[in-house]
Amino acid sequence: MMDDFDGKVVLVTGAGSGIGREAALEFAARGGFVFGADLNEQGLAETRRLILGAGGRAEVGRVDVSSEDDVSAFVARIDAEAGRLDAAFNNAGITGGAHRIEDYPTDDFDRVLRINLRSVLLCMKHELPLLKRSGGGVICNTASVAALTGPGGMCAYAASKHGIHGLTRVAAMENAAHGIRVNALAPGWTETPMVITASAQNPSFAAQTTNAIPAKRGGKPSEIAQAAVWLCSSASSYVFGQMLIVDGGMTIGGFEF
């Protein structure tokens, strides 16, 4: 059903690039009225231009997802301009620096948790009342394979993504009876601008990582976005509180025969 979001209003955070942009394009292509949020205003403008150019509907706004004032104002704007909310893809996030735990700068740790984890709480806190008033809906939160694994040097990132998994399950439990489904998406190594920049700084690590993936490549942002859109669609109507891993087999474990 390529028009399954027709008449529906969708919020996407991190819509200025990568997975968020691809999801915004896909929601719009399937009829959704997309509200994109990001700090990257140039990226947001490009996402909106791409959607409008393809005949879709989109509005965008500069939002710091770690700021409750910013998040509540953006959701209030959606209510004022569209009058409803049917789906939310809470996707914005950062990786933070790479340090051993004993060397991890506390301010950096706090920043990563603020942008990655606190933001998901804030988004759901303000999205849920509007979703309920709209008669129900869907939330998809972007976690990571780091919600399952312990990537060395990435304690803040892993803690934030494990936290998203937990928050998602609580939100799913609390809201299932209100006609609201909440799930998480766990991407593996995905060739987003953020990852491409990191790979250029450490090409041997990037080569080692992609070689360790059974699919022998990183994911395309569009491949991850398709999974997010599926989780937000009626095709996943009996999926509640799950974390969908889309990682080219990265977390299978075991070894090749």
C-alpha atoms as a PDB file:
ATOM      1  CA  MET A   1       0.000   0.000   0.000  1.00  0.00           C
ATOM      2  CA  MET A   2       1.951   2.953  -1.250  1.00  0.00           C
ATOM      3  CA  ASP A   3      -0.578   5.451   0.111  1.00  0.00           C
ATOM      4  CA  ASP A   4      -0.953   3.913   3.582  1.00  0.00           C
ATOM      5  CA  PHE A   5       0.038   7.202   5.283  1.00  0.00           C
ATOM      6  CA  ASP A   6      -2.486   9.230   3.302  1.00  0.00           C
ATOM      7  CA  GLY A   7      -4.146  11.740   5.647  1.00  0.00           C
ATOM      8  CA  LYS A   8      -1.710  10.904   8.435  1.00  0.00           C
ATOM      9  CA  VAL A   9       0.620  13.311  10.212  1.00  0.00           C
ATOM     10  CA  VAL A  10       4.135  12.088  10.980  1.00  0.00           C
ATOM     11  CA  LEU A  11       6.868  13.633  13.143  1.00  0.00           C
ATOM     12  CA  VAL A  12      10.493  12.745  12.346  1.00  0.00           C
ATOM     13  CA  THR A  13      13.426  13.958  14.466  1.00  0.00           C
ATOM     14  CA  GLY A  14      16.900  13.986  12.954  1.00  0.00           C
ATOM     15  CA  ALA A  15      15.188  14.626   9.608  1.00  0.00           C
ATOM     16  CA  GLY A  16      18.050  16.746   8.241  1.00  0.00           C
ATOM     17  CA  SER A  17      20.200  13.813   7.081  1.00  0.00           C
ATOM     18  CA  GLY A  18      20.811  10.072   7.104  1.00  0.00           C
ATOM     19  CA  ILE A  19      18.117   7.678   8.327  1.00  0.00           C
ATOM     20  CA  GLY A  20      15.819  10.518   9.404  1.00  0.00           C
ATOM     21  CA  ARG A  21      15.843  12.153   5.970  1.00  0.00           C
ATOM     22  CA  GLU A  22      15.229   8.844   4.190  1.00  0.00           C
ATOM     23  CA  ALA A  23      12.333   8.027   6.536  1.00  0.00           C
ATOM     24  CA  ALA A  24      10.827  11.496   6.042  1.00  0.00           C
ATOM     25  CA  LEU A  25      10.999  11.015   2.248  1.00  0.00           C
ATOM     26  CA  GLU A  26       9.381   7.585   2.486  1.00  0.00           C
ATOM     27  CA  PHE A  27       6.574   8.705   4.826  1.00  0.00           C
ATOM     28  CA  ALA A  28       5.830  11.593   2.457  1.00  0.00           C
ATOM     29  CA  ALA A  29       5.970   9.363  -0.641  1.00  0.00           C
ATOM     30  CA  ARG A  30       3.322   7.181   1.001  1.00  0.00           C
ATOM     31  CA  GLY A  31       1.002  10.142   1.582  1.00  0.00           C
ATOM     32  CA  GLY A  32       2.063  11.352   5.018  1.00  0.00           C
ATOM     33  CA  PHE A  33       2.215  15.014   6.042  1.00  0.00           C
ATOM     34  CA  VAL A  34       5.728  15.117   7.522  1.00  0.00           C
ATOM     35  CA  PHE A  35       6.974  17.468  10.225  1.00  0.00           C
ATOM     36  CA  GLY A  36      10.772  17.240  10.309  1.00  0.00           C
ATOM     37  CA  ALA A  37      12.876  18.385  13.265  1.00  0.00           C
ATOM     38  CA  ASP A  38      16.649  18.785  13.486  1.00  0.00           C
ATOM     39  CA  LEU A  39      19.334  21.244  14.572  1.00  0.00           C
ATOM     40  CA  ASN A  40      20.712  21.161  11.031  1.00  0.00           C
ATOM     41  CA  GLU A  41      18.611  23.838   9.319  1.00  0.00           C
ATOM     42  CA  GLN A  42      20.388  23.475   5.961  1.00  0.00           C
ATOM     43  CA  GLY A  43      19.768  19.717   5.976  1.00  0.00           C
ATOM     44  CA  LEU A  44      16.134  20.248   6.977  1.00  0.00           C
ATOM     45  CA  ALA A  45      15.594  22.722   4.140  1.00  0.00           C
ATOM     46  CA  GLU A  46      17.006  20.169   1.684  1.00  0.00           C
ATOM     47  CA  THR A  47      14.778  17.386   3.076  1.00  0.00           C
ATOM     48  CA  ARG A  48      11.727  19.642   2.701  1.00  0.00           C
ATOM     49  CA  ARG A  49      12.776  20.621  -0.825  1.00  0.00           C
ATOM     50  CA  LEU A  50      13.101  16.943  -1.820  1.00  0.00           C
ATOM     51  CA  ILE A  51       9.660  16.106  -0.385  1.00  0.00           C
ATOM     52  CA  LEU A  52       7.920  19.079  -2.011  1.00  0.00           C
ATOM     53  CA  GLY A  53       9.694  18.364  -5.306  1.00  0.00           C
ATOM     54  CA  ALA A  54       8.236  14.847  -5.270  1.00  0.00           C
ATOM     55  CA  GLY A  55       4.750  16.221  -4.660  1.00  0.00           C
ATOM     56  CA  GLY A  56       4.646  15.518  -0.921  1.00  0.00           C
ATOM     57  CA  ARG A  57       3.787  17.665   2.097  1.00  0.00           C
ATOM     58  CA  ALA A  58       6.352  18.728   4.691  1.00  0.00           C
ATOM     59  CA  GLU A  59       7.076  21.373   7.288  1.00  0.00           C
ATOM     60  CA  VAL A  60      10.327  21.621   9.212  1.00  0.00           C
ATOM     61  CA  GLY A  61      11.651  23.300  12.319  1.00  0.00           C
ATOM     62  CA  ARG A  62      14.934  23.761  14.127  1.00  0.00           C
ATOM     63  CA  VAL A  63      14.554  21.744  17.326  1.00  0.00           C
ATOM     64  CA  ASP A  64      17.047  20.863  20.056  1.00  0.00           C
ATOM     65  CA  VAL A  65      15.552  17.514  21.058  1.00  0.00           C
ATOM     66  CA  SER A  66      17.245  17.696  24.471  1.00  0.00           C
ATOM     67  CA  SER A  67      15.296  20.891  25.286  1.00  0.00           C
ATOM     68  CA  GLU A  68      11.808  20.369  26.685  1.00  0.00           C
ATOM     69  CA  ASP A  69      10.778  23.864  25.586  1.00  0.00           C
ATOM     70  CA  ASP A  70      11.843  23.137  21.983  1.00  0.00           C
ATOM     71  CA  VAL A  71      10.126  19.739  21.886  1.00  0.00           C
ATOM     72  CA  SER A  72       6.863  20.913  23.464  1.00  0.00           C
ATOM     73  CA  ALA A  73       6.749  23.958  21.151  1.00  0.00           C
ATOM     74  CA  PHE A  74       7.251  21.791  18.045  1.00  0.00           C
ATOM     75  CA  VAL A  75       4.527  19.312  19.059  1.00  0.00           C
ATOM     76  CA  ALA A  76       2.227  22.274  19.836  1.00  0.00           C
ATOM     77  CA  ARG A  77       2.982  23.612  16.346  1.00  0.00           C
ATOM     78  CA  ILE A  78       1.992  20.255  14.811  1.00  0.00           C
ATOM     79  CA  ASP A  79      -1.253  20.383  16.793  1.00  0.00           C
ATOM     80  CA  ALA A  80      -1.928  23.956  15.624  1.00  0.00           C
ATOM     81  CA  GLU A  81      -1.059  23.382  11.952  1.00  0.00           C
ATOM     82  CA  ALA A  82      -2.246  19.813  11.382  1.00  0.00           C
ATOM     83  CA  GLY A  83      -4.580  19.166  14.307  1.00  0.00           C
ATOM     84  CA  ARG A  84      -3.378  15.633  14.923  1.00  0.00           C
ATOM     85  CA  LEU A  85      -0.407  13.254  15.160  1.00  0.00           C
ATOM     86  CA  ASP A  86      -0.474   9.670  13.890  1.00  0.00           C
ATOM     87  CA  ALA A  87       3.155   8.545  13.979  1.00  0.00           C
ATOM     88  CA  ALA A  88       6.450   9.710  15.458  1.00  0.00           C
ATOM     89  CA  PHE A  89       9.946   8.530  14.550  1.00  0.00           C
ATOM     90  CA  ASN A  90      12.209   9.708  17.386  1.00  0.00           C
ATOM     91  CA  ASN A  91      15.498   9.271  15.614  1.00  0.00           C
ATOM     92  CA  ALA A  92      17.872  12.160  16.441  1.00  0.00           C
ATOM     93  CA  GLY A  93      21.123  11.196  18.146  1.00  0.00           C
ATOM     94  CA  ILE A  94      24.899  11.484  18.358  1.00  0.00           C
ATOM     95  CA  THR A  95      27.714   9.000  19.000  1.00  0.00           C
ATOM     96  CA  GLY A  96      29.857  11.071  21.389  1.00  0.00           C
ATOM     97  CA  GLY A  97      33.584  10.582  21.789  1.00  0.00           C
ATOM     98  CA  ALA A  98      35.405   7.266  22.199  1.00  0.00           C
ATOM     99  CA  HIS A  99      37.209   6.822  25.534  1.00  0.00           C
ATOM    100  CA  ARG A 100      37.705   4.110  28.107  1.00  0.00           C
ATOM    101  CA  ILE A 101      35.304   4.437  31.048  1.00  0.00           C
ATOM    102  CA  GLU A 102      38.043   5.688  33.381  1.00  0.00           C
ATOM    103  CA  ASP A 103      38.912   8.421  30.875  1.00  0.00           C
ATOM    104  CA  TYR A 104      35.381   9.328  29.750  1.00  0.00           C
ATOM    105  CA  PRO A 105      34.739  13.066  30.247  1.00  0.00           C
ATOM    106  CA  THR A 106      31.704  13.350  32.523  1.00  0.00           C
ATOM    107  CA  ASP A 107      30.334  16.367  30.640  1.00  0.00           C
ATOM    108  CA  ASP A 108      30.533  14.420  27.372  1.00  0.00           C
ATOM    109  CA  PHE A 109      28.712  11.474  28.979  1.00  0.00           C
ATOM    110  CA  ASP A 110      25.945  13.784  30.190  1.00  0.00           C
ATOM    111  CA  ARG A 111      25.667  15.408  26.759  1.00  0.00           C
ATOM    112  CA  VAL A 112      25.268  12.075  24.951  1.00  0.00           C
ATOM    113  CA  LEU A 113      22.587  10.922  27.399  1.00  0.00           C
ATOM    114  CA  ARG A 114      20.829  14.272  27.118  1.00  0.00           C
ATOM    115  CA  ILE A 115      20.703  14.226  23.301  1.00  0.00           C
ATOM    116  CA  ASN A 116      20.094  10.484  22.840  1.00  0.00           C
ATOM    117  CA  LEU A 117      18.028   9.378  25.831  1.00  0.00           C
ATOM    118  CA  ARG A 118      16.458  12.390  27.520  1.00  0.00           C
ATOM    119  CA  SER A 119      15.262  13.476  24.064  1.00  0.00           C
ATOM    120  CA  VAL A 120      13.295  10.252  23.596  1.00  0.00           C
ATOM    121  CA  LEU A 121      11.616  10.738  26.974  1.00  0.00           C
ATOM    122  CA  LEU A 122      10.779  14.370  26.099  1.00  0.00           C
ATOM    123  CA  CYS A 123       9.482  13.477  22.653  1.00  0.00           C
ATOM    124  CA  MET A 124       7.228  10.687  23.939  1.00  0.00           C
ATOM    125  CA  LYS A 125       6.079  12.818  26.882  1.00  0.00           C
ATOM    126  CA  HIS A 126       4.736  15.457  24.491  1.00  0.00           C
ATOM    127  CA  GLU A 127       3.743  13.191  21.581  1.00  0.00           C
ATOM    128  CA  LEU A 128       1.621  10.759  23.602  1.00  0.00           C
ATOM    129  CA  PRO A 129      -1.156  13.199  24.603  1.00  0.00           C
ATOM    130  CA  LEU A 130      -1.562  14.319  20.964  1.00  0.00           C
ATOM    131  CA  LEU A 131      -1.493  10.715  19.702  1.00  0.00           C
ATOM    132  CA  LYS A 132      -4.227   9.838  22.224  1.00  0.00           C
ATOM    133  CA  ARG A 133      -6.346  12.824  21.156  1.00  0.00           C
ATOM    134  CA  SER A 134      -5.889  11.719  17.525  1.00  0.00           C
ATOM    135  CA  GLY A 135      -7.373   8.304  18.332  1.00  0.00           C
ATOM    136  CA  GLY A 136      -4.122   6.357  18.732  1.00  0.00           C
ATOM    137  CA  GLY A 137      -0.978   5.946  16.676  1.00  0.00           C
ATOM    138  CA  VAL A 138       2.580   4.689  16.600  1.00  0.00           C
ATOM    139  CA  ILE A 139       5.982   5.648  17.973  1.00  0.00           C
ATOM    140  CA  CYS A 140       9.312   4.284  16.747  1.00  0.00           C
ATOM    141  CA  ASN A 141      12.450   5.168  18.725  1.00  0.00           C
ATOM    142  CA  THR A 142      15.913   4.736  17.223  1.00  0.00           C
ATOM    143  CA  ALA A 143      18.093   2.602  19.453  1.00  0.00           C
ATOM    144  CA  SER A 144      21.128   0.762  18.027  1.00  0.00           C
ATOM    145  CA  VAL A 145      22.858  -2.604  18.040  1.00  0.00           C
ATOM    146  CA  ALA A 146      24.715  -0.908  20.931  1.00  0.00           C
ATOM    147  CA  ALA A 147      21.498  -1.506  22.914  1.00  0.00           C
ATOM    148  CA  LEU A 148      22.534  -5.197  22.843  1.00  0.00           C
ATOM    149  CA  THR A 149      26.306  -5.096  22.752  1.00  0.00           C
ATOM    150  CA  GLY A 150      29.163  -3.431  24.640  1.00  0.00           C
ATOM    151  CA  PRO A 151      31.227  -1.514  22.073  1.00  0.00           C
ATOM    152  CA  GLY A 152      34.517  -0.592  23.738  1.00  0.00           C
ATOM    153  CA  GLY A 153      35.071   3.137  24.093  1.00  0.00           C
ATOM    154  CA  MET A 154      31.382   3.925  23.633  1.00  0.00           C
ATOM    155  CA  CYS A 155      30.022   3.749  27.192  1.00  0.00           C
ATOM    156  CA  ALA A 156      27.811   6.848  26.878  1.00  0.00           C
ATOM    157  CA  TYR A 157      26.382   5.778  23.523  1.00  0.00           C
ATOM    158  CA  ALA A 158      25.728   2.201  24.681  1.00  0.00           C
ATOM    159  CA  ALA A 159      24.148   3.394  27.937  1.00  0.00           C
ATOM    160  CA  SER A 160      21.869   5.794  26.049  1.00  0.00           C
ATOM    161  CA  LYS A 161      20.790   3.157  23.542  1.00  0.00           C
ATOM    162  CA  HIS A 162      20.201   0.496  26.222  1.00  0.00           C
ATOM    163  CA  GLY A 163      18.116   3.178  27.931  1.00  0.00           C
ATOM    164  CA  ILE A 164      16.027   3.756  24.802  1.00  0.00           C
ATOM    165  CA  HIS A 165      15.230   0.035  24.693  1.00  0.00           C
ATOM    166  CA  GLY A 166      13.983   0.194  28.292  1.00  0.00           C
ATOM    167  CA  LEU A 167      11.996   3.410  27.778  1.00  0.00           C
ATOM    168  CA  THR A 168      10.378   1.903  24.679  1.00  0.00           C
ATOM    169  CA  ARG A 169       9.207  -1.176  26.562  1.00  0.00           C
ATOM    170  CA  VAL A 170       7.722   0.899  29.402  1.00  0.00           C
ATOM    171  CA  ALA A 171       5.959   3.212  26.920  1.00  0.00           C
ATOM    172  CA  ALA A 172       4.613   0.192  25.021  1.00  0.00           C
ATOM    173  CA  MET A 173       3.251  -1.345  28.212  1.00  0.00           C
ATOM    174  CA  GLU A 174       1.659   1.903  29.386  1.00  0.00           C
ATOM    175  CA  ASN A 175       0.019   2.803  26.064  1.00  0.00           C
ATOM    176  CA  ALA A 176      -1.060  -0.440  24.386  1.00  0.00           C
ATOM    177  CA  ALA A 177      -4.571  -0.099  25.836  1.00  0.00           C
ATOM    178  CA  HIS A 178      -4.789   3.439  24.375  1.00  0.00           C
ATOM    179  CA  GLY A 179      -4.341   2.211  20.804  1.00  0.00           C
ATOM    180  CA  ILE A 180      -0.723   3.351  20.693  1.00  0.00           C
ATOM    181  CA  ARG A 181       2.084   1.029  19.641  1.00  0.00           C
ATOM    182  CA  VAL A 182       5.661   1.839  20.679  1.00  0.00           C
ATOM    183  CA  ASN A 183       8.670   0.020  19.246  1.00  0.00           C
ATOM    184  CA  ALA A 184      12.392   0.583  18.774  1.00  0.00           C
ATOM    185  CA  LEU A 185      14.645   0.236  15.768  1.00  0.00           C
ATOM    186  CA  ALA A 186      18.211  -1.018  16.256  1.00  0.00           C
ATOM    187  CA  PRO A 187      20.349  -0.145  13.226  1.00  0.00           C
ATOM    188  CA  GLY A 188      23.768  -1.664  12.790  1.00  0.00           C
ATOM    189  CA  TRP A 189      26.668  -0.028  10.945  1.00  0.00           C
ATOM    190  CA  THR A 190      24.847   2.390   8.638  1.00  0.00           C
ATOM    191  CA  GLU A 191      26.490   4.664   6.085  1.00  0.00           C
ATOM    192  CA  THR A 192      25.058   7.926   7.398  1.00  0.00           C
ATOM    193  CA  PRO A 193      27.031  11.206   7.147  1.00  0.00           C
ATOM    194  CA  MET A 194      27.935  10.757  10.850  1.00  0.00           C
ATOM    195  CA  VAL A 195      29.400   7.272  10.243  1.00  0.00           C
ATOM    196  CA  ILE A 196      31.094   8.204   6.942  1.00  0.00           C
ATOM    197  CA  THR A 197      32.943  11.066   8.717  1.00  0.00           C
ATOM    198  CA  ALA A 198      34.023   8.725  11.541  1.00  0.00           C
ATOM    199  CA  SER A 199      35.145   6.080   8.997  1.00  0.00           C
ATOM    200  CA  ALA A 200      37.298   8.610   7.127  1.00  0.00           C
ATOM    201  CA  GLN A 201      39.073   9.404  10.406  1.00  0.00           C
ATOM    202  CA  ASN A 202      39.728   5.711  11.109  1.00  0.00           C
ATOM    203  CA  PRO A 203      39.653   3.741   7.823  1.00  0.00           C
ATOM    204  CA  SER A 204      41.222   0.568   9.260  1.00  0.00           C
ATOM    205  CA  PHE A 205      38.529   0.386  11.972  1.00  0.00           C
ATOM    206  CA  ALA A 206      35.827   0.912   9.317  1.00  0.00           C
ATOM    207  CA  ALA A 207      37.287  -1.864   7.120  1.00  0.00           C
ATOM    208  CA  GLN A 208      37.549  -4.218  10.103  1.00  0.00           C
ATOM    209  CA  THR A 209      33.955  -3.478  11.116  1.00  0.00           C
ATOM    210  CA  THR A 210      32.398  -3.997   7.694  1.00  0.00           C
ATOM    211  CA  ASN A 211      34.401  -7.211   7.239  1.00  0.00           C
ATOM    212  CA  ALA A 212      32.953  -8.500  10.530  1.00  0.00           C
ATOM    213  CA  ILE A 213      29.394  -8.006   9.250  1.00  0.00           C
ATOM    214  CA  PRO A 214      28.033 -11.160   7.571  1.00  0.00           C
ATOM    215  CA  ALA A 215      26.541  -9.000   4.782  1.00  0.00           C
ATOM    216  CA  LYS A 216      30.090  -7.614   4.248  1.00  0.00           C
ATOM    217  CA  ARG A 217      28.864  -4.032   3.960  1.00  0.00           C
ATOM    218  CA  GLY A 218      27.271  -1.248   5.913  1.00  0.00           C
ATOM    219  CA  GLY A 219      23.563  -0.560   5.603  1.00  0.00           C
ATOM    220  CA  LYS A 220      22.161   2.186   3.418  1.00  0.00           C
ATOM    221  CA  PRO A 221      20.138   4.797   5.345  1.00  0.00           C
ATOM    222  CA  SER A 222      17.169   3.979   3.077  1.00  0.00           C
ATOM    223  CA  GLU A 223      17.291   0.307   4.152  1.00  0.00           C
ATOM    224  CA  ILE A 224      17.075   1.292   7.819  1.00  0.00           C
ATOM    225  CA  ALA A 225      14.388   3.907   7.117  1.00  0.00           C
ATOM    226  CA  GLN A 226      12.205   1.292   5.402  1.00  0.00           C
ATOM    227  CA  ALA A 227      12.186  -0.706   8.632  1.00  0.00           C
ATOM    228  CA  ALA A 228      11.194   2.386  10.660  1.00  0.00           C
ATOM    229  CA  VAL A 229       8.351   3.129   8.234  1.00  0.00           C
ATOM    230  CA  TRP A 230       7.194  -0.504   8.474  1.00  0.00           C
ATOM    231  CA  LEU A 231       7.136  -0.259  12.279  1.00  0.00           C
ATOM    232  CA  CYS A 232       5.005   2.887  11.953  1.00  0.00           C
ATOM    233  CA  SER A 233       2.635   1.321   9.406  1.00  0.00           C
ATOM    234  CA  SER A 234      -0.463  -0.818   9.794  1.00  0.00           C
ATOM    235  CA  ALA A 235       1.571  -3.748   8.397  1.00  0.00           C
ATOM    236  CA  SER A 236       3.125  -4.124  11.870  1.00  0.00           C
ATOM    237  CA  SER A 237      -0.198  -3.786  13.719  1.00  0.00           C
ATOM    238  CA  TYR A 238       0.526  -6.624  16.204  1.00  0.00           C
ATOM    239  CA  VAL A 239       4.103  -5.553  17.031  1.00  0.00           C
ATOM    240  CA  PHE A 240       4.267  -3.979  20.501  1.00  0.00           C
ATOM    241  CA  GLY A 241       7.336  -3.087  22.589  1.00  0.00           C
ATOM    242  CA  GLN A 242       9.847  -4.817  20.344  1.00  0.00           C
ATOM    243  CA  MET A 243      13.296  -3.795  19.145  1.00  0.00           C
ATOM    244  CA  LEU A 244      13.790  -4.594  15.474  1.00  0.00           C
ATOM    245  CA  ILE A 245      17.450  -5.236  14.656  1.00  0.00           C
ATOM    246  CA  VAL A 246      18.491  -4.227  11.132  1.00  0.00           C
ATOM    247  CA  ASP A 247      22.223  -4.837  11.013  1.00  0.00           C
ATOM    248  CA  GLY A 248      23.282  -7.097   8.120  1.00  0.00           C
ATOM    249  CA  GLY A 249      23.736  -9.912  10.631  1.00  0.00           C
ATOM    250  CA  MET A 250      26.252  -7.977  12.758  1.00  0.00           C
ATOM    251  CA  THR A 251      24.840  -9.255  16.074  1.00  0.00           C
ATOM    252  CA  ILE A 252      24.186 -12.877  15.061  1.00  0.00           C
ATOM    253  CA  GLY A 253      27.279 -14.075  16.928  1.00  0.00           C
ATOM    254  CA  GLY A 254      28.724 -17.490  16.185  1.00  0.00           C
ATOM    255  CA  PHE A 255      31.049 -17.986  13.223  1.00  0.00           C
ATOM    256  CA  GLU A 256      30.933 -18.807   9.535  1.00  0.00           C
ATOM    257  CA  PHE A 257      30.976 -22.482   8.590  1.00  0.00           C
END
